[in-house]
Amino acid sequence: MEAIIISGLPASGKTVAAESVGKTLGIEALSGSDILREMAAERGYNPVGKDWWDTEEGLRFLEERKEDLNFDRKADDKLKERIKKGSIAITSYTAPWISEYGYKVWLIASIENRAKRMMNRDKTTMKEALDTLKIRDDENTKLYKRLYGIDFGMDMKPFNLIINTNNLNQDDVAEQIIENYNKRQGKR
């Protein structure tokens, strides 16, 4: 079974979609950030909680990653190997551009809807969520351009499927991914 790679801007619904797709198809769901969390822990950080990336410590680790691009390259090499093996639903910012394998999905959501998701997930205010998203969007875009020359969030060529999640719930998103994936595999 070909790997399903789900990408999108922060708080677009990637992790929830991957978990739902994985559960429905009976395959592992993995987040690309899981590998980075392991690497952060090795450096003395305490990367706990889904919202860790949006905390002061998570943003500090992002700054450290910018100084040593090997963090992301090592994590991406591990992701590419896992994607090549297949039978996984995985989230990754970069894998759609750097892996020749996998069924690639991009999730679109407005910054307002992403901020609402973040507010609910992280128990924060709308202003805090918007401020955090703007920083992360900007930093991720710069980082992936510097690492791989990717026009993150702009270049949609690698994707087999693009879904606007603004008016969909997680089950609808997962259903669209699975339906389109099965069509590609010749299944109904």
N, C-alpha and C. Protein backbone atom coordinates (compact mmCIF):
# COMPACT_ATOMS: atom_id res chain seq x y z
N MET A 1 0.85 -1.18 0.00
CA MET A 1 0.00 0.00 0.00
C MET A 1 0.90 1.24 0.00
N GLU A 2 0.63 2.13 -0.92
CA GLU A 2 1.39 3.37 -1.04
C GLU A 2 1.17 4.27 0.17
N ALA A 3 2.21 4.93 0.63
CA ALA A 3 2.09 5.88 1.74
C ALA A 3 1.20 7.04 1.35
N ILE A 4 0.47 7.57 2.32
CA ILE A 4 -0.34 8.76 2.13
C ILE A 4 0.34 9.88 2.91
N ILE A 5 0.77 10.91 2.20
CA ILE A 5 1.48 12.04 2.81
C ILE A 5 0.53 13.23 2.84
N ILE A 6 0.31 13.77 4.02
CA ILE A 6 -0.60 14.90 4.18
C ILE A 6 0.20 16.12 4.62
N SER A 7 0.06 17.20 3.87
CA SER A 7 0.81 18.42 4.15
C SER A 7 -0.15 19.61 4.14
N GLY A 8 0.34 20.72 4.62
CA GLY A 8 -0.45 21.95 4.68
C GLY A 8 0.20 22.88 5.69
N LEU A 9 -0.29 24.10 5.75
CA LEU A 9 0.22 25.06 6.71
C LEU A 9 -0.14 24.63 8.14
N PRO A 10 0.54 25.17 9.16
CA PRO A 10 0.21 24.81 10.54
C PRO A 10 -1.28 25.01 10.85
N ALA A 11 -1.84 24.05 11.57
CA ALA A 11 -3.24 24.04 12.03
C ALA A 11 -4.25 23.95 10.89
N SER A 12 -3.84 23.32 9.78
CA SER A 12 -4.77 23.12 8.67
C SER A 12 -5.54 21.81 8.81
N GLY A 13 -5.18 20.99 9.80
CA GLY A 13 -5.90 19.74 10.05
C GLY A 13 -5.13 18.49 9.65
N LYS A 14 -3.83 18.61 9.42
CA LYS A 14 -3.02 17.49 8.95
C LYS A 14 -3.01 16.30 9.90
N THR A 15 -2.70 16.55 11.16
CA THR A 15 -2.54 15.45 12.12
C THR A 15 -3.85 14.70 12.33
N VAL A 16 -4.92 15.44 12.48
CA VAL A 16 -6.23 14.80 12.69
C VAL A 16 -6.61 13.98 11.45
N ALA A 17 -6.34 14.53 10.26
CA ALA A 17 -6.65 13.81 9.03
C ALA A 17 -5.83 12.53 8.93
N ALA A 18 -4.53 12.61 9.21
CA ALA A 18 -3.67 11.42 9.14
C ALA A 18 -4.12 10.36 10.14
N GLU A 19 -4.47 10.78 11.35
CA GLU A 19 -4.93 9.82 12.36
C GLU A 19 -6.22 9.14 11.90
N SER A 20 -7.14 9.91 11.34
CA SER A 20 -8.41 9.36 10.88
C SER A 20 -8.21 8.42 9.68
N VAL A 21 -7.38 8.83 8.73
CA VAL A 21 -7.08 7.99 7.57
C VAL A 21 -6.40 6.70 8.04
N GLY A 22 -5.43 6.83 8.92
CA GLY A 22 -4.73 5.65 9.43
C GLY A 22 -5.67 4.67 10.11
N LYS A 23 -6.54 5.21 10.95
CA LYS A 23 -7.49 4.36 11.67
C LYS A 23 -8.44 3.66 10.70
N THR A 24 -8.96 4.40 9.74
CA THR A 24 -9.92 3.83 8.78
C THR A 24 -9.27 2.76 7.92
N LEU A 25 -8.04 3.00 7.47
CA LEU A 25 -7.37 2.04 6.59
C LEU A 25 -6.58 0.97 7.35
N GLY A 26 -6.50 1.10 8.67
CA GLY A 26 -5.77 0.12 9.47
C GLY A 26 -4.27 0.20 9.27
N ILE A 27 -3.76 1.43 9.07
CA ILE A 27 -2.32 1.63 8.90
C ILE A 27 -1.82 2.61 9.96
N GLU A 28 -0.51 2.64 10.14
CA GLU A 28 0.08 3.54 11.12
C GLU A 28 -0.09 5.00 10.69
N ALA A 29 -0.30 5.86 11.65
CA ALA A 29 -0.31 7.31 11.41
C ALA A 29 0.90 7.88 12.13
N LEU A 30 1.67 8.70 11.43
CA LEU A 30 2.89 9.26 11.98
C LEU A 30 3.00 10.71 11.56
N SER A 31 3.47 11.52 12.47
CA SER A 31 3.70 12.93 12.18
C SER A 31 5.18 13.15 11.97
N GLY A 32 5.51 13.90 10.93
CA GLY A 32 6.91 14.24 10.70
C GLY A 32 7.52 14.94 11.90
N SER A 33 6.70 15.64 12.64
CA SER A 33 7.22 16.35 13.81
C SER A 33 7.59 15.39 14.94
N ASP A 34 7.10 14.15 14.90
CA ASP A 34 7.47 13.18 15.93
C ASP A 34 8.98 12.95 15.94
N ILE A 35 9.56 12.88 14.76
CA ILE A 35 11.00 12.66 14.66
C ILE A 35 11.75 13.89 15.17
N LEU A 36 11.27 15.09 14.79
CA LEU A 36 11.90 16.32 15.28
C LEU A 36 11.78 16.44 16.80
N ARG A 37 10.65 15.98 17.36
CA ARG A 37 10.47 16.00 18.82
C ARG A 37 11.53 15.14 19.50
N GLU A 38 11.78 13.96 18.93
CA GLU A 38 12.81 13.09 19.49
C GLU A 38 14.16 13.80 19.48
N MET A 39 14.45 14.49 18.39
CA MET A 39 15.72 15.20 18.28
C MET A 39 15.76 16.38 19.25
N ALA A 40 14.63 17.04 19.46
CA ALA A 40 14.56 18.15 20.43
C ALA A 40 14.82 17.63 21.84
N ALA A 41 14.22 16.49 22.18
CA ALA A 41 14.41 15.91 23.51
C ALA A 41 15.88 15.57 23.74
N GLU A 42 16.54 15.07 22.68
CA GLU A 42 17.97 14.75 22.80
C GLU A 42 18.79 16.00 23.10
N ARG A 43 18.27 17.18 22.76
CA ARG A 43 18.99 18.44 22.98
C ARG A 43 18.54 19.14 24.27
N GLY A 44 17.71 18.43 25.08
CA GLY A 44 17.32 18.97 26.37
C GLY A 44 15.98 19.69 26.42
N TYR A 45 15.27 19.72 25.31
CA TYR A 45 13.94 20.32 25.31
C TYR A 45 12.93 19.33 25.89
N ASN A 46 11.76 19.82 26.25
CA ASN A 46 10.69 18.99 26.76
C ASN A 46 9.50 19.10 25.82
N PRO A 47 9.56 18.42 24.65
CA PRO A 47 8.54 18.59 23.61
C PRO A 47 7.26 17.78 23.87
N VAL A 48 6.49 18.23 24.85
CA VAL A 48 5.29 17.51 25.25
C VAL A 48 4.05 18.30 24.85
N GLY A 49 3.04 17.59 24.37
CA GLY A 49 1.76 18.20 24.01
C GLY A 49 1.70 18.57 22.54
N LYS A 50 0.49 18.47 21.98
CA LYS A 50 0.30 18.78 20.56
C LYS A 50 0.63 20.23 20.25
N ASP A 51 0.49 21.10 21.23
CA ASP A 51 0.72 22.53 21.00
C ASP A 51 2.17 22.94 21.27
N TRP A 52 3.08 21.99 21.54
CA TRP A 52 4.44 22.34 21.92
C TRP A 52 5.11 23.25 20.90
N TRP A 53 4.88 23.02 19.62
CA TRP A 53 5.51 23.83 18.58
C TRP A 53 5.13 25.30 18.69
N ASP A 54 4.00 25.58 19.30
CA ASP A 54 3.50 26.95 19.39
C ASP A 54 3.89 27.62 20.71
N THR A 55 4.62 26.90 21.56
CA THR A 55 5.05 27.46 22.84
C THR A 55 6.36 28.23 22.65
N GLU A 56 6.74 28.95 23.66
CA GLU A 56 8.01 29.69 23.62
C GLU A 56 9.17 28.74 23.38
N GLU A 57 9.13 27.59 24.07
CA GLU A 57 10.21 26.61 23.91
C GLU A 57 10.22 26.03 22.49
N GLY A 58 9.05 25.73 21.96
CA GLY A 58 8.96 25.20 20.60
C GLY A 58 9.47 26.19 19.57
N LEU A 59 9.13 27.45 19.76
CA LEU A 59 9.61 28.49 18.85
C LEU A 59 11.13 28.69 18.99
N ARG A 60 11.66 28.49 20.20
CA ARG A 60 13.11 28.58 20.43
C ARG A 60 13.81 27.44 19.68
N PHE A 61 13.20 26.24 19.71
CA PHE A 61 13.78 25.12 18.98
C PHE A 61 13.75 25.40 17.48
N LEU A 62 12.70 26.04 17.00
CA LEU A 62 12.62 26.43 15.59
C LEU A 62 13.79 27.34 15.23
N GLU A 63 14.11 28.27 16.13
CA GLU A 63 15.26 29.16 15.91
C GLU A 63 16.56 28.36 15.84
N GLU A 64 16.70 27.38 16.74
CA GLU A 64 17.90 26.54 16.75
C GLU A 64 18.00 25.73 15.46
N ARG A 65 16.86 25.23 14.98
CA ARG A 65 16.83 24.47 13.73
C ARG A 65 17.29 25.32 12.56
N LYS A 66 16.96 26.60 12.60
CA LYS A 66 17.37 27.49 11.52
C LYS A 66 18.89 27.62 11.46
N GLU A 67 19.53 27.49 12.60
CA GLU A 67 20.99 27.61 12.67
C GLU A 67 21.70 26.33 12.22
N ASP A 68 21.04 25.18 12.37
CA ASP A 68 21.64 23.90 12.00
C ASP A 68 20.64 23.12 11.15
N LEU A 69 20.76 23.26 9.84
CA LEU A 69 19.81 22.64 8.93
C LEU A 69 19.87 21.11 8.95
N ASN A 70 20.88 20.56 9.59
CA ASN A 70 20.96 19.10 9.67
C ASN A 70 19.81 18.49 10.46
N PHE A 71 19.23 19.23 11.40
CA PHE A 71 18.06 18.71 12.13
C PHE A 71 17.01 18.24 11.13
N ASP A 72 16.61 19.15 10.28
CA ASP A 72 15.52 18.85 9.35
C ASP A 72 15.94 17.85 8.28
N ARG A 73 17.15 17.95 7.81
CA ARG A 73 17.61 16.99 6.79
C ARG A 73 17.62 15.57 7.34
N LYS A 74 18.10 15.40 8.58
CA LYS A 74 18.11 14.06 9.19
C LYS A 74 16.69 13.54 9.39
N ALA A 75 15.81 14.40 9.87
CA ALA A 75 14.41 14.00 10.06
C ALA A 75 13.78 13.65 8.73
N ASP A 76 14.04 14.44 7.71
CA ASP A 76 13.46 14.18 6.39
C ASP A 76 14.00 12.90 5.77
N ASP A 77 15.28 12.60 5.99
CA ASP A 77 15.82 11.34 5.49
C ASP A 77 15.10 10.15 6.12
N LYS A 78 14.82 10.24 7.41
CA LYS A 78 14.08 9.17 8.09
C LYS A 78 12.67 9.05 7.54
N LEU A 79 12.03 10.21 7.30
CA LEU A 79 10.67 10.21 6.74
C LEU A 79 10.65 9.58 5.34
N LYS A 80 11.61 9.93 4.52
CA LYS A 80 11.65 9.39 3.16
C LYS A 80 11.76 7.87 3.17
N GLU A 81 12.58 7.34 4.07
CA GLU A 81 12.71 5.88 4.17
C GLU A 81 11.38 5.24 4.59
N ARG A 82 10.72 5.88 5.54
CA ARG A 82 9.43 5.33 6.02
C ARG A 82 8.37 5.42 4.93
N ILE A 83 8.34 6.50 4.19
CA ILE A 83 7.38 6.68 3.10
C ILE A 83 7.62 5.63 2.02
N LYS A 84 8.87 5.36 1.71
CA LYS A 84 9.22 4.38 0.68
C LYS A 84 8.67 3.00 1.02
N LYS A 85 8.63 2.66 2.31
CA LYS A 85 8.10 1.36 2.75
C LYS A 85 6.59 1.25 2.56
N GLY A 86 5.87 2.41 2.60
CA GLY A 86 4.42 2.41 2.40
C GLY A 86 3.63 2.04 3.64
N SER A 87 2.33 1.84 3.45
CA SER A 87 1.39 1.46 4.51
C SER A 87 1.46 2.39 5.71
N ILE A 88 1.40 3.70 5.45
CA ILE A 88 1.43 4.69 6.51
C ILE A 88 0.71 5.95 6.04
N ALA A 89 0.05 6.60 6.98
CA ALA A 89 -0.49 7.95 6.75
C ALA A 89 0.41 8.88 7.54
N ILE A 90 1.06 9.80 6.87
CA ILE A 90 2.10 10.59 7.50
C ILE A 90 1.93 12.07 7.20
N THR A 91 2.18 12.89 8.20
CA THR A 91 2.16 14.33 7.96
C THR A 91 3.59 14.84 7.84
N SER A 92 3.78 15.74 6.91
CA SER A 92 5.10 16.32 6.71
C SER A 92 4.96 17.61 5.93
N TYR A 93 5.74 18.60 6.33
CA TYR A 93 5.78 19.83 5.56
C TYR A 93 6.55 19.63 4.26
N THR A 94 7.63 18.87 4.28
CA THR A 94 8.54 18.81 3.13
C THR A 94 8.43 17.56 2.27
N ALA A 95 7.96 16.45 2.82
CA ALA A 95 7.98 15.17 2.10
C ALA A 95 7.33 15.22 0.71
N PRO A 96 6.25 15.96 0.51
CA PRO A 96 5.67 15.96 -0.84
C PRO A 96 6.65 16.44 -1.92
N TRP A 97 7.58 17.29 -1.56
CA TRP A 97 8.53 17.82 -2.52
C TRP A 97 9.80 16.98 -2.62
N ILE A 98 10.18 16.32 -1.53
CA ILE A 98 11.49 15.66 -1.51
C ILE A 98 11.42 14.14 -1.65
N SER A 99 10.22 13.57 -1.60
CA SER A 99 10.07 12.12 -1.76
C SER A 99 9.43 11.82 -3.11
N GLU A 100 10.01 10.86 -3.79
CA GLU A 100 9.41 10.46 -5.07
C GLU A 100 8.24 9.49 -4.85
N TYR A 101 8.06 9.05 -3.63
CA TYR A 101 7.01 8.08 -3.32
C TYR A 101 5.85 8.75 -2.61
N GLY A 102 4.71 8.05 -2.61
CA GLY A 102 3.57 8.47 -1.81
C GLY A 102 2.47 9.19 -2.58
N TYR A 103 1.29 9.06 -2.03
CA TYR A 103 0.11 9.78 -2.50
C TYR A 103 0.07 11.07 -1.69
N LYS A 104 0.14 12.22 -2.36
CA LYS A 104 0.39 13.49 -1.69
C LYS A 104 -0.85 14.38 -1.66
N VAL A 105 -1.18 14.82 -0.44
CA VAL A 105 -2.39 15.62 -0.20
C VAL A 105 -1.99 16.94 0.44
N TRP A 106 -2.55 18.04 -0.05
CA TRP A 106 -2.35 19.37 0.54
C TRP A 106 -3.68 19.83 1.12
N LEU A 107 -3.67 20.25 2.38
CA LEU A 107 -4.86 20.78 3.03
C LEU A 107 -4.77 22.30 3.09
N ILE A 108 -5.80 22.95 2.56
CA ILE A 108 -5.88 24.41 2.56
C ILE A 108 -6.87 24.83 3.65
N ALA A 109 -6.54 25.88 4.37
CA ALA A 109 -7.47 26.49 5.33
C ALA A 109 -7.06 27.95 5.49
N SER A 110 -8.03 28.80 5.66
CA SER A 110 -7.74 30.22 5.86
C SER A 110 -7.02 30.40 7.19
N ILE A 111 -6.30 31.51 7.31
CA ILE A 111 -5.59 31.78 8.56
C ILE A 111 -6.58 31.93 9.71
N GLU A 112 -7.78 32.45 9.43
CA GLU A 112 -8.80 32.58 10.49
C GLU A 112 -9.26 31.21 10.98
N ASN A 113 -9.51 30.28 10.05
CA ASN A 113 -9.94 28.94 10.47
C ASN A 113 -8.81 28.18 11.15
N ARG A 114 -7.59 28.39 10.69
CA ARG A 114 -6.46 27.74 11.36
C ARG A 114 -6.29 28.30 12.77
N ALA A 115 -6.49 29.60 12.92
CA ALA A 115 -6.40 30.22 14.25
C ALA A 115 -7.50 29.68 15.16
N LYS A 116 -8.71 29.49 14.63
CA LYS A 116 -9.80 28.92 15.45
C LYS A 116 -9.44 27.50 15.90
N ARG A 117 -8.88 26.71 15.00
CA ARG A 117 -8.45 25.35 15.39
C ARG A 117 -7.40 25.43 16.49
N MET A 118 -6.44 26.33 16.30
CA MET A 118 -5.38 26.46 17.29
C MET A 118 -5.93 26.95 18.62
N MET A 119 -6.86 27.90 18.58
CA MET A 119 -7.49 28.40 19.81
C MET A 119 -8.13 27.26 20.59
N ASN A 120 -8.90 26.44 19.89
CA ASN A 120 -9.59 25.32 20.53
C ASN A 120 -8.61 24.26 21.03
N ARG A 121 -7.61 23.98 20.23
CA ARG A 121 -6.63 22.94 20.58
C ARG A 121 -5.75 23.38 21.72
N ASP A 122 -5.26 24.64 21.67
CA ASP A 122 -4.26 25.11 22.61
C ASP A 122 -4.83 25.97 23.73
N LYS A 123 -6.13 26.19 23.70
CA LYS A 123 -6.79 27.03 24.73
C LYS A 123 -6.11 28.40 24.81
N THR A 124 -6.06 29.08 23.68
CA THR A 124 -5.42 30.38 23.59
C THR A 124 -6.42 31.39 23.02
N THR A 125 -6.02 32.62 22.91
CA THR A 125 -6.90 33.65 22.35
C THR A 125 -6.71 33.69 20.83
N MET A 126 -7.67 34.32 20.15
CA MET A 126 -7.58 34.46 18.71
C MET A 126 -6.34 35.27 18.32
N LYS A 127 -6.07 36.33 19.03
CA LYS A 127 -4.89 37.16 18.72
C LYS A 127 -3.61 36.36 18.89
N GLU A 128 -3.49 35.61 19.99
CA GLU A 128 -2.29 34.80 20.21
C GLU A 128 -2.14 33.76 19.10
N ALA A 129 -3.24 33.13 18.72
CA ALA A 129 -3.20 32.12 17.67
C ALA A 129 -2.79 32.74 16.34
N LEU A 130 -3.36 33.87 15.99
CA LEU A 130 -3.01 34.54 14.74
C LEU A 130 -1.54 34.96 14.73
N ASP A 131 -1.08 35.52 15.84
CA ASP A 131 0.32 35.94 15.94
C ASP A 131 1.26 34.74 15.77
N THR A 132 0.95 33.65 16.44
CA THR A 132 1.77 32.43 16.36
C THR A 132 1.78 31.88 14.94
N LEU A 133 0.61 31.84 14.31
CA LEU A 133 0.54 31.31 12.94
C LEU A 133 1.34 32.17 11.97
N LYS A 134 1.26 33.45 12.13
CA LYS A 134 2.02 34.33 11.23
C LYS A 134 3.52 34.08 11.37
N ILE A 135 3.99 33.90 12.59
CA ILE A 135 5.41 33.60 12.82
C ILE A 135 5.76 32.25 12.20
N ARG A 136 4.96 31.24 12.50
CA ARG A 136 5.27 29.90 12.00
C ARG A 136 5.19 29.83 10.48
N ASP A 137 4.18 30.46 9.88
CA ASP A 137 4.07 30.47 8.42
C ASP A 137 5.32 31.09 7.80
N ASP A 138 5.71 32.23 8.34
CA ASP A 138 6.86 32.95 7.82
C ASP A 138 8.15 32.16 8.01
N GLU A 139 8.36 31.63 9.21
CA GLU A 139 9.58 30.89 9.51
C GLU A 139 9.66 29.59 8.72
N ASN A 140 8.54 28.86 8.61
CA ASN A 140 8.54 27.62 7.84
C ASN A 140 8.85 27.90 6.36
N THR A 141 8.24 28.93 5.82
CA THR A 141 8.46 29.29 4.42
C THR A 141 9.94 29.58 4.17
N LYS A 142 10.54 30.36 5.04
CA LYS A 142 11.97 30.69 4.90
C LYS A 142 12.84 29.45 5.07
N LEU A 143 12.54 28.64 6.08
CA LEU A 143 13.34 27.46 6.38
C LEU A 143 13.34 26.48 5.21
N TYR A 144 12.16 26.18 4.65
CA TYR A 144 12.09 25.17 3.59
C TYR A 144 12.62 25.71 2.26
N LYS A 145 12.56 27.00 2.07
CA LYS A 145 13.19 27.60 0.89
C LYS A 145 14.71 27.46 1.01
N ARG A 146 15.21 27.74 2.20
CA ARG A 146 16.66 27.65 2.46
C ARG A 146 17.16 26.20 2.39
N LEU A 147 16.38 25.27 2.95
CA LEU A 147 16.78 23.87 2.98
C LEU A 147 16.75 23.22 1.61
N TYR A 148 15.62 23.37 0.91
CA TYR A 148 15.39 22.60 -0.31
C TYR A 148 14.98 23.44 -1.52
N GLY A 149 14.84 24.74 -1.35
CA GLY A 149 14.37 25.57 -2.46
C GLY A 149 12.88 25.44 -2.71
N ILE A 150 12.15 24.95 -1.71
CA ILE A 150 10.70 24.74 -1.82
C ILE A 150 9.96 26.07 -1.66
N ASP A 151 9.00 26.29 -2.53
CA ASP A 151 8.08 27.42 -2.36
C ASP A 151 6.89 26.90 -1.56
N PHE A 152 7.13 26.72 -0.25
CA PHE A 152 6.16 26.11 0.65
C PHE A 152 4.86 26.90 0.67
N GLY A 153 3.77 26.19 0.45
CA GLY A 153 2.45 26.81 0.45
C GLY A 153 2.08 27.45 -0.87
N MET A 154 3.02 27.47 -1.81
CA MET A 154 2.77 28.09 -3.11
C MET A 154 2.84 27.07 -4.26
N ASP A 155 3.84 26.20 -4.23
CA ASP A 155 4.05 25.22 -5.29
C ASP A 155 3.19 23.98 -5.02
N MET A 156 2.15 23.81 -5.83
CA MET A 156 1.23 22.69 -5.62
C MET A 156 1.48 21.54 -6.60
N LYS A 157 2.54 21.61 -7.39
CA LYS A 157 2.81 20.58 -8.40
C LYS A 157 2.92 19.16 -7.85
N PRO A 158 3.52 18.96 -6.67
CA PRO A 158 3.69 17.58 -6.21
C PRO A 158 2.39 16.87 -5.80
N PHE A 159 1.30 17.60 -5.65
CA PHE A 159 0.13 17.05 -4.98
C PHE A 159 -0.85 16.33 -5.92
N ASN A 160 -1.30 15.17 -5.43
CA ASN A 160 -2.33 14.40 -6.12
C ASN A 160 -3.72 14.92 -5.80
N LEU A 161 -3.85 15.54 -4.63
CA LEU A 161 -5.15 16.01 -4.16
C LEU A 161 -4.96 17.25 -3.30
N ILE A 162 -5.82 18.25 -3.51
CA ILE A 162 -5.84 19.46 -2.70
C ILE A 162 -7.24 19.61 -2.14
N ILE A 163 -7.34 19.77 -0.82
CA ILE A 163 -8.65 19.87 -0.15
C ILE A 163 -8.70 21.15 0.66
N ASN A 164 -9.75 21.92 0.44
CA ASN A 164 -10.02 23.10 1.26
C ASN A 164 -10.80 22.60 2.48
N THR A 165 -10.21 22.72 3.66
CA THR A 165 -10.82 22.19 4.88
C THR A 165 -11.68 23.20 5.64
N ASN A 166 -11.82 24.40 5.10
CA ASN A 166 -12.53 25.46 5.83
C ASN A 166 -13.93 25.06 6.28
N ASN A 167 -14.67 24.35 5.43
CA ASN A 167 -16.06 24.01 5.76
C ASN A 167 -16.28 22.51 5.91
N LEU A 168 -15.20 21.79 6.21
CA LEU A 168 -15.30 20.34 6.36
C LEU A 168 -14.92 19.93 7.77
N ASN A 169 -15.55 18.86 8.25
CA ASN A 169 -15.10 18.31 9.53
C ASN A 169 -14.04 17.24 9.23
N GLN A 170 -13.40 16.75 10.27
CA GLN A 170 -12.29 15.80 10.09
C GLN A 170 -12.71 14.54 9.37
N ASP A 171 -13.93 14.07 9.60
CA ASP A 171 -14.38 12.85 8.92
C ASP A 171 -14.54 13.09 7.42
N ASP A 172 -15.04 14.27 7.05
CA ASP A 172 -15.20 14.62 5.63
C ASP A 172 -13.85 14.68 4.93
N VAL A 173 -12.87 15.26 5.60
CA VAL A 173 -11.53 15.37 5.02
C VAL A 173 -10.94 13.98 4.81
N ALA A 174 -11.00 13.15 5.84
CA ALA A 174 -10.47 11.78 5.73
C ALA A 174 -11.20 11.00 4.65
N GLU A 175 -12.50 11.16 4.57
CA GLU A 175 -13.30 10.46 3.55
C GLU A 175 -12.85 10.86 2.14
N GLN A 176 -12.63 12.15 1.92
CA GLN A 176 -12.17 12.61 0.60
C GLN A 176 -10.79 12.04 0.27
N ILE A 177 -9.91 12.03 1.25
CA ILE A 177 -8.57 11.49 1.02
C ILE A 177 -8.66 10.02 0.63
N ILE A 178 -9.38 9.25 1.42
CA ILE A 178 -9.48 7.81 1.18
C ILE A 178 -10.17 7.52 -0.16
N GLU A 179 -11.24 8.23 -0.45
CA GLU A 179 -11.97 8.02 -1.71
C GLU A 179 -11.06 8.28 -2.91
N ASN A 180 -10.35 9.39 -2.88
CA ASN A 180 -9.46 9.72 -4.00
C ASN A 180 -8.24 8.80 -4.06
N TYR A 181 -7.73 8.41 -2.92
CA TYR A 181 -6.62 7.46 -2.87
C TYR A 181 -7.04 6.12 -3.49
N ASN A 182 -8.22 5.64 -3.10
CA ASN A 182 -8.72 4.37 -3.64
C ASN A 182 -8.92 4.45 -5.15
N LYS A 183 -9.40 5.57 -5.65
CA LYS A 183 -9.56 5.73 -7.11
C LYS A 183 -8.21 5.61 -7.80
N ARG A 184 -7.20 6.22 -7.21
CA ARG A 184 -5.85 6.16 -7.78
C ARG A 184 -5.35 4.72 -7.79
N GLN A 185 -5.69 3.95 -6.75
CA GLN A 185 -5.25 2.56 -6.64
C GLN A 185 -6.10 1.62 -7.48
N GLY A 186 -7.17 2.15 -8.12
CA GLY A 186 -8.06 1.33 -8.92
C GLY A 186 -9.10 0.58 -8.11
N LYS A 187 -9.33 1.07 -6.87
CA LYS A 187 -10.32 0.44 -5.99
C LYS A 187 -11.57 1.31 -5.96
N ARG A 188 -12.67 0.74 -5.64
CA ARG A 188 -13.93 1.50 -5.52
C ARG A 188 -14.48 1.36 -4.15
